[in-house]
């Protein structure tokens, strides 16, 4: 299975899997990325789709030298557990 491709619309990160779209709404202010809401369609829940989305958007944030402020409870919990991307929170 290939890795889904991350899209950045300027206000939302999106990933398509199995013909369905998971997304994370965000706001960017300076060098800070605020993750307001993470959503996965019910059919993808429990499959790791939201985690793959968070990993991809976190990698993008790191590449752009951004700090992440999670507003969404899921994003906050995922980043707290992440050994690879936890240092981005601030």
N, C-alpha and C. Protein backbone atom coordinates (compact mmCIF):
# COMPACT_ATOMS: atom_id res chain seq x y z
N UNK A 1 0.85 -1.18 0.00
CA UNK A 1 0.00 0.00 0.00
C UNK A 1 0.89 1.24 0.00
N UNK A 2 0.60 2.19 -0.88
CA UNK A 2 1.41 3.40 -0.96
C UNK A 2 0.98 4.41 0.11
N UNK A 3 1.91 5.28 0.44
CA UNK A 3 1.63 6.31 1.44
C UNK A 3 0.75 7.38 0.81
N UNK A 4 -0.33 7.77 1.49
CA UNK A 4 -1.19 8.81 0.94
C UNK A 4 -0.43 10.13 0.84
N UNK A 5 -0.79 10.94 -0.15
CA UNK A 5 -0.12 12.22 -0.37
C UNK A 5 -0.83 13.32 0.41
N UNK A 6 -0.06 14.16 1.07
CA UNK A 6 -0.58 15.28 1.84
C UNK A 6 -0.82 16.47 0.91
N UNK A 7 -1.98 17.10 1.04
CA UNK A 7 -2.28 18.34 0.32
C UNK A 7 -2.45 19.45 1.35
N UNK A 8 -1.96 20.64 1.00
CA UNK A 8 -2.11 21.82 1.86
C UNK A 8 -2.89 22.85 1.06
N UNK A 9 -4.11 23.16 1.49
CA UNK A 9 -4.96 24.10 0.77
C UNK A 9 -4.74 25.54 1.23
N UNK A 10 -3.93 25.72 2.27
CA UNK A 10 -3.73 27.04 2.85
C UNK A 10 -4.54 27.24 4.12
N UNK A 11 -5.51 26.37 4.36
CA UNK A 11 -6.30 26.42 5.60
C UNK A 11 -6.62 25.02 6.10
N UNK A 12 -6.25 24.02 5.30
CA UNK A 12 -6.56 22.64 5.64
C UNK A 12 -5.52 21.72 5.01
N UNK A 13 -5.04 20.77 5.83
CA UNK A 13 -4.24 19.66 5.29
C UNK A 13 -5.21 18.53 4.99
N UNK A 14 -5.03 17.86 3.86
CA UNK A 14 -5.92 16.77 3.46
C UNK A 14 -5.11 15.56 2.99
N UNK A 15 -5.66 14.37 3.23
CA UNK A 15 -5.10 13.12 2.72
C UNK A 15 -6.26 12.23 2.28
N UNK A 16 -6.08 11.60 1.13
CA UNK A 16 -7.10 10.68 0.61
C UNK A 16 -6.64 9.24 0.80
N UNK A 17 -7.53 8.42 1.34
CA UNK A 17 -7.31 6.98 1.47
C UNK A 17 -8.62 6.28 1.17
N UNK A 18 -8.56 5.23 0.39
CA UNK A 18 -9.73 4.43 0.07
C UNK A 18 -10.86 5.30 -0.48
N UNK A 19 -10.51 6.35 -1.23
CA UNK A 19 -11.50 7.23 -1.82
C UNK A 19 -12.15 8.20 -0.84
N UNK A 20 -11.62 8.28 0.38
CA UNK A 20 -12.17 9.15 1.43
C UNK A 20 -11.10 10.14 1.87
N UNK A 21 -11.53 11.30 2.36
CA UNK A 21 -10.59 12.35 2.73
C UNK A 21 -10.60 12.61 4.23
N UNK A 22 -9.43 12.50 4.84
CA UNK A 22 -9.21 12.95 6.22
C UNK A 22 -8.61 14.35 6.12
N UNK A 23 -8.87 15.18 7.14
CA UNK A 23 -8.32 16.53 7.07
C UNK A 23 -8.05 17.11 8.45
N UNK A 24 -7.23 18.15 8.43
CA UNK A 24 -6.94 18.92 9.64
C UNK A 24 -7.05 20.40 9.28
N UNK A 25 -8.00 21.08 9.91
CA UNK A 25 -8.13 22.53 9.73
C UNK A 25 -7.06 23.22 10.56
N UNK A 26 -6.44 24.25 9.99
CA UNK A 26 -5.40 24.94 10.73
C UNK A 26 -5.40 26.43 10.41
N UNK A 27 -4.69 27.16 11.26
CA UNK A 27 -4.40 28.58 11.04
C UNK A 27 -2.90 28.75 11.21
N UNK A 28 -2.33 29.59 10.39
CA UNK A 28 -0.90 29.88 10.54
C UNK A 28 -0.73 31.35 10.89
N UNK A 29 0.01 31.57 11.97
CA UNK A 29 0.34 32.93 12.39
C UNK A 29 1.84 32.99 12.63
N UNK A 30 2.54 33.66 11.73
CA UNK A 30 4.00 33.74 11.82
C UNK A 30 4.60 32.36 11.70
N UNK A 31 5.40 31.97 12.72
CA UNK A 31 6.06 30.66 12.67
C UNK A 31 5.28 29.62 13.48
N UNK A 32 3.99 29.87 13.70
CA UNK A 32 3.16 28.97 14.51
C UNK A 32 2.00 28.43 13.69
N UNK A 33 1.78 27.12 13.82
CA UNK A 33 0.68 26.43 13.15
C UNK A 33 -0.30 25.98 14.23
N UNK A 34 -1.51 26.51 14.19
CA UNK A 34 -2.56 26.13 15.14
C UNK A 34 -3.43 25.06 14.48
N UNK A 35 -3.46 23.87 15.06
CA UNK A 35 -4.30 22.79 14.53
C UNK A 35 -5.64 22.86 15.25
N UNK A 36 -6.66 23.33 14.54
CA UNK A 36 -7.97 23.56 15.15
C UNK A 36 -8.85 22.31 15.22
N UNK A 37 -8.75 21.45 14.20
CA UNK A 37 -9.69 20.33 14.14
C UNK A 37 -9.12 19.25 13.23
N UNK A 38 -9.15 18.01 13.69
CA UNK A 38 -8.72 16.86 12.88
C UNK A 38 -9.94 15.97 12.68
N UNK A 39 -10.17 15.54 11.43
CA UNK A 39 -11.33 14.72 11.09
C UNK A 39 -10.93 13.56 10.21
N UNK A 40 -11.46 12.38 10.50
CA UNK A 40 -11.37 11.22 9.63
C UNK A 40 -12.79 10.71 9.42
N UNK A 41 -13.14 10.35 8.17
CA UNK A 41 -14.46 9.79 7.93
C UNK A 41 -14.68 8.53 8.78
N UNK A 42 -15.91 8.27 9.19
CA UNK A 42 -16.18 7.11 10.04
C UNK A 42 -15.61 5.80 9.49
N UNK A 43 -15.60 5.66 8.17
CA UNK A 43 -15.09 4.42 7.55
C UNK A 43 -13.60 4.23 7.77
N UNK A 44 -12.87 5.32 8.03
CA UNK A 44 -11.41 5.24 8.23
C UNK A 44 -11.01 5.24 9.69
N UNK A 45 -11.95 5.48 10.58
CA UNK A 45 -11.61 5.53 12.00
C UNK A 45 -11.14 4.17 12.49
N UNK A 46 -10.10 4.19 13.30
CA UNK A 46 -9.51 2.95 13.78
C UNK A 46 -8.48 2.36 12.84
N UNK A 47 -8.29 2.99 11.66
CA UNK A 47 -7.35 2.46 10.67
C UNK A 47 -5.99 3.16 10.75
N UNK A 48 -5.89 4.19 11.60
CA UNK A 48 -4.65 4.96 11.68
C UNK A 48 -4.59 6.14 10.73
N UNK A 49 -5.69 6.42 10.03
CA UNK A 49 -5.70 7.50 9.04
C UNK A 49 -5.37 8.85 9.68
N UNK A 50 -5.97 9.14 10.83
CA UNK A 50 -5.70 10.43 11.49
C UNK A 50 -4.25 10.52 11.94
N UNK A 51 -3.68 9.42 12.40
CA UNK A 51 -2.28 9.41 12.79
C UNK A 51 -1.35 9.63 11.61
N UNK A 52 -1.66 9.02 10.47
CA UNK A 52 -0.85 9.25 9.27
C UNK A 52 -0.94 10.70 8.83
N UNK A 53 -2.14 11.28 8.93
CA UNK A 53 -2.31 12.69 8.61
C UNK A 53 -1.49 13.57 9.54
N UNK A 54 -1.55 13.29 10.83
CA UNK A 54 -0.79 14.08 11.81
C UNK A 54 0.71 13.95 11.57
N UNK A 55 1.19 12.76 11.25
CA UNK A 55 2.62 12.56 10.98
C UNK A 55 3.04 13.36 9.76
N UNK A 56 2.23 13.34 8.71
CA UNK A 56 2.58 14.06 7.48
C UNK A 56 2.55 15.57 7.69
N UNK A 57 1.52 16.07 8.39
CA UNK A 57 1.46 17.52 8.60
C UNK A 57 2.55 17.97 9.56
N UNK A 58 2.91 17.14 10.52
CA UNK A 58 3.99 17.48 11.45
C UNK A 58 5.33 17.53 10.72
N UNK A 59 5.55 16.60 9.81
CA UNK A 59 6.78 16.61 9.00
C UNK A 59 6.84 17.87 8.15
N UNK A 60 5.70 18.26 7.58
CA UNK A 60 5.64 19.48 6.78
C UNK A 60 5.95 20.70 7.65
N UNK A 61 5.36 20.74 8.85
CA UNK A 61 5.62 21.86 9.76
C UNK A 61 7.11 21.93 10.12
N UNK A 62 7.72 20.78 10.39
CA UNK A 62 9.14 20.76 10.73
C UNK A 62 9.97 21.26 9.54
N UNK A 63 9.63 20.82 8.33
CA UNK A 63 10.36 21.26 7.14
C UNK A 63 10.27 22.77 6.95
N UNK A 64 9.15 23.37 7.38
CA UNK A 64 8.94 24.81 7.25
C UNK A 64 9.37 25.58 8.51
N UNK A 65 9.99 24.86 9.47
CA UNK A 65 10.48 25.47 10.72
C UNK A 65 9.34 26.13 11.51
N UNK A 66 8.20 25.43 11.59
CA UNK A 66 7.04 25.94 12.32
C UNK A 66 6.90 25.21 13.65
N UNK A 67 6.35 25.91 14.64
CA UNK A 67 5.95 25.32 15.92
C UNK A 67 4.47 24.97 15.79
N UNK A 68 4.03 23.94 16.48
CA UNK A 68 2.62 23.53 16.42
C UNK A 68 1.95 23.79 17.76
N UNK A 69 0.80 24.44 17.70
CA UNK A 69 -0.05 24.62 18.87
C UNK A 69 -1.35 23.87 18.59
N UNK A 70 -1.53 22.70 19.22
CA UNK A 70 -2.75 21.93 18.96
C UNK A 70 -3.93 22.48 19.77
N UNK A 71 -4.98 22.86 19.09
CA UNK A 71 -6.23 23.28 19.73
C UNK A 71 -7.13 22.05 19.85
N UNK A 72 -7.13 21.23 18.84
CA UNK A 72 -7.91 19.99 18.79
C UNK A 72 -7.37 18.99 19.82
N UNK A 73 -8.26 18.38 20.58
CA UNK A 73 -7.86 17.40 21.58
C UNK A 73 -7.13 16.21 20.99
N UNK A 74 -7.57 15.72 19.82
CA UNK A 74 -6.89 14.59 19.19
C UNK A 74 -5.46 14.99 18.82
N UNK A 75 -5.30 16.16 18.19
CA UNK A 75 -3.96 16.60 17.79
C UNK A 75 -3.05 16.75 19.00
N UNK A 76 -3.58 17.29 20.08
CA UNK A 76 -2.79 17.47 21.30
C UNK A 76 -2.33 16.12 21.85
N UNK A 77 -3.25 15.16 21.92
CA UNK A 77 -2.92 13.83 22.45
C UNK A 77 -1.91 13.13 21.53
N UNK A 78 -2.10 13.24 20.23
CA UNK A 78 -1.19 12.58 19.28
C UNK A 78 0.22 13.16 19.43
N UNK A 79 0.33 14.47 19.50
CA UNK A 79 1.64 15.11 19.62
C UNK A 79 2.29 14.79 20.96
N UNK A 80 1.51 14.69 22.03
CA UNK A 80 2.06 14.31 23.34
C UNK A 80 2.69 12.92 23.29
N UNK A 81 2.08 12.02 22.55
CA UNK A 81 2.58 10.64 22.45
C UNK A 81 3.72 10.49 21.44
N UNK A 82 3.88 11.46 20.55
CA UNK A 82 4.84 11.33 19.45
C UNK A 82 6.27 11.55 19.91
N UNK A 83 7.10 10.54 19.73
CA UNK A 83 8.52 10.69 20.03
C UNK A 83 9.23 11.47 18.93
N UNK A 84 8.72 11.37 17.71
CA UNK A 84 9.37 12.01 16.57
C UNK A 84 9.03 13.50 16.45
N UNK A 85 7.80 13.89 16.79
CA UNK A 85 7.36 15.26 16.53
C UNK A 85 6.98 16.06 17.78
N UNK A 86 7.05 15.45 18.96
CA UNK A 86 6.66 16.14 20.19
C UNK A 86 7.39 17.45 20.42
N UNK A 87 8.62 17.56 19.92
CA UNK A 87 9.41 18.78 20.15
C UNK A 87 8.86 19.97 19.38
N UNK A 88 7.93 19.75 18.45
CA UNK A 88 7.36 20.85 17.68
C UNK A 88 6.30 21.63 18.44
N UNK A 89 5.78 21.03 19.51
CA UNK A 89 4.69 21.66 20.27
C UNK A 89 5.23 22.85 21.05
N UNK A 90 4.51 23.94 20.95
CA UNK A 90 4.92 25.11 21.70
C UNK A 90 4.01 26.28 21.48
